[in-house]
């Protein structure tokens, strides 16, 4: 497993600066002051990218899990489920799909 200390970039949901602009501005300023590189993930539907994005398990191996939490099954809430596979495809990150239904934030 690749640890946080071995990474060199942070990915944030593109919905974060839309839904929480004041927080985002302060956070962005903080990251820039510390020379921490970051990018926005395109096409997210939820600000909590940690819940649905891939895990880097080896230097060149990333896995994404099924993201279909039980607490988001109503018609309205299903629209908030982000598709990590689609997001990774847009930013050209090759991943392996797992059959495990996993909420990465829990």
Protein backbone atom coordinates (compact mmCIF):
# COMPACT_ATOMS: atom_id res chain seq x y z
CA UNK A 1 0.00 0.00 0.00
CA UNK A 2 1.24 3.49 -0.83
CA UNK A 3 1.14 5.80 2.21
CA UNK A 4 0.23 9.49 2.24
CA UNK A 5 3.88 10.41 2.78
CA UNK A 6 4.75 8.73 -0.54
CA UNK A 7 2.32 10.82 -2.60
CA UNK A 8 3.04 14.10 -4.35
CA UNK A 9 -0.36 15.55 -5.23
CA UNK A 10 -3.77 16.05 -3.69
CA UNK A 11 -6.99 15.65 -5.64
CA UNK A 12 -10.07 17.58 -4.54
CA UNK A 13 -13.63 17.27 -5.78
CA UNK A 14 -14.58 19.97 -8.27
CA UNK A 15 -17.80 20.42 -6.31
CA UNK A 16 -15.87 21.68 -3.25
CA UNK A 17 -15.24 25.26 -4.53
CA UNK A 18 -18.86 25.43 -5.71
CA UNK A 19 -20.57 24.23 -2.54
CA UNK A 20 -18.14 25.63 0.05
CA UNK A 21 -16.43 28.61 -1.58
CA UNK A 22 -15.16 30.25 1.64
CA UNK A 23 -13.67 27.03 2.94
CA UNK A 24 -12.16 26.27 -0.47
CA UNK A 25 -10.51 29.68 -0.74
CA UNK A 26 -8.91 29.33 2.70
CA UNK A 27 -7.85 25.75 2.02
CA UNK A 28 -6.44 26.61 -1.41
CA UNK A 29 -4.46 29.49 0.11
CA UNK A 30 -3.11 27.15 2.78
CA UNK A 31 -2.03 24.56 0.21
CA UNK A 32 -0.32 27.16 -1.99
CA UNK A 33 1.52 28.70 0.98
CA UNK A 34 2.95 25.26 1.73
CA UNK A 35 3.76 24.46 -1.92
CA UNK A 36 1.41 21.49 -1.90
CA UNK A 37 0.24 20.67 -5.40
CA UNK A 38 -3.39 19.87 -5.99
CA UNK A 39 -5.87 19.36 -8.80
CA UNK A 40 -9.65 19.31 -9.04
CA UNK A 41 -11.32 16.07 -10.05
CA UNK A 42 -13.76 16.67 -12.91
CA UNK A 43 -17.33 15.45 -12.85
CA UNK A 44 -17.70 14.84 -9.12
CA UNK A 45 -21.13 14.87 -7.50
CA UNK A 46 -19.95 14.84 -3.88
CA UNK A 47 -17.28 16.90 -2.14
CA UNK A 48 -15.94 13.93 -0.16
CA UNK A 49 -13.64 12.42 -2.78
CA UNK A 50 -12.09 10.15 -0.14
CA UNK A 51 -15.39 8.22 -0.09
CA UNK A 52 -15.27 7.16 -3.72
CA UNK A 53 -11.89 7.70 -5.35
CA UNK A 54 -9.24 5.11 -6.10
CA UNK A 55 -6.64 3.70 -3.78
CA UNK A 56 -3.06 3.49 -4.94
CA UNK A 57 -1.98 0.08 -3.74
CA UNK A 58 1.38 -0.04 -5.53
CA UNK A 59 3.48 2.51 -7.41
CA UNK A 60 1.73 1.73 -10.70
CA UNK A 61 -1.47 0.05 -9.48
CA UNK A 62 -4.67 1.85 -8.54
CA UNK A 63 -7.98 0.23 -7.62
CA UNK A 64 -11.46 1.71 -7.53
CA UNK A 65 -14.33 0.13 -5.69
CA UNK A 66 -18.06 0.03 -6.24
CA UNK A 67 -19.52 3.22 -4.78
CA UNK A 68 -23.16 2.53 -3.96
CA UNK A 69 -23.74 3.32 -0.26
CA UNK A 70 -26.95 2.09 1.35
CA UNK A 71 -27.62 5.55 2.78
CA UNK A 72 -27.77 7.07 -0.74
CA UNK A 73 -30.41 4.81 -2.27
CA UNK A 74 -33.34 7.22 -2.51
CA UNK A 75 -34.01 8.64 -5.99
CA UNK A 76 -32.83 12.11 -4.93
CA UNK A 77 -29.66 10.96 -3.16
CA UNK A 78 -28.57 8.53 -5.92
CA UNK A 79 -27.79 11.63 -8.00
CA UNK A 80 -24.99 12.47 -5.52
CA UNK A 81 -23.01 9.28 -6.15
CA UNK A 82 -19.78 9.99 -8.02
CA UNK A 83 -18.37 7.48 -10.51
CA UNK A 84 -14.65 7.02 -9.77
CA UNK A 85 -14.10 4.95 -12.91
CA UNK A 86 -15.48 7.70 -15.12
CA UNK A 87 -13.54 10.43 -13.28
CA UNK A 88 -10.30 8.45 -13.60
CA UNK A 89 -10.95 7.94 -17.29
CA UNK A 90 -11.27 11.69 -17.82
CA UNK A 91 -7.97 12.43 -16.02
CA UNK A 92 -6.25 9.45 -17.71
CA UNK A 93 -5.60 7.36 -14.61
CA UNK A 94 -5.70 3.64 -15.31
CA UNK A 95 -7.44 1.71 -12.56
CA UNK A 96 -8.57 -1.80 -11.81
CA UNK A 97 -12.24 -2.22 -10.87
CA UNK A 98 -12.94 -4.14 -7.68
CA UNK A 99 -16.27 -5.87 -7.03
CA UNK A 100 -16.17 -4.72 -3.40
CA UNK A 101 -18.74 -2.09 -2.41
CA UNK A 102 -16.66 0.27 -0.27
CA UNK A 103 -17.29 3.70 1.23
CA UNK A 104 -13.72 4.94 1.63
CA UNK A 105 -14.67 7.57 4.20
CA UNK A 106 -16.19 5.18 6.70
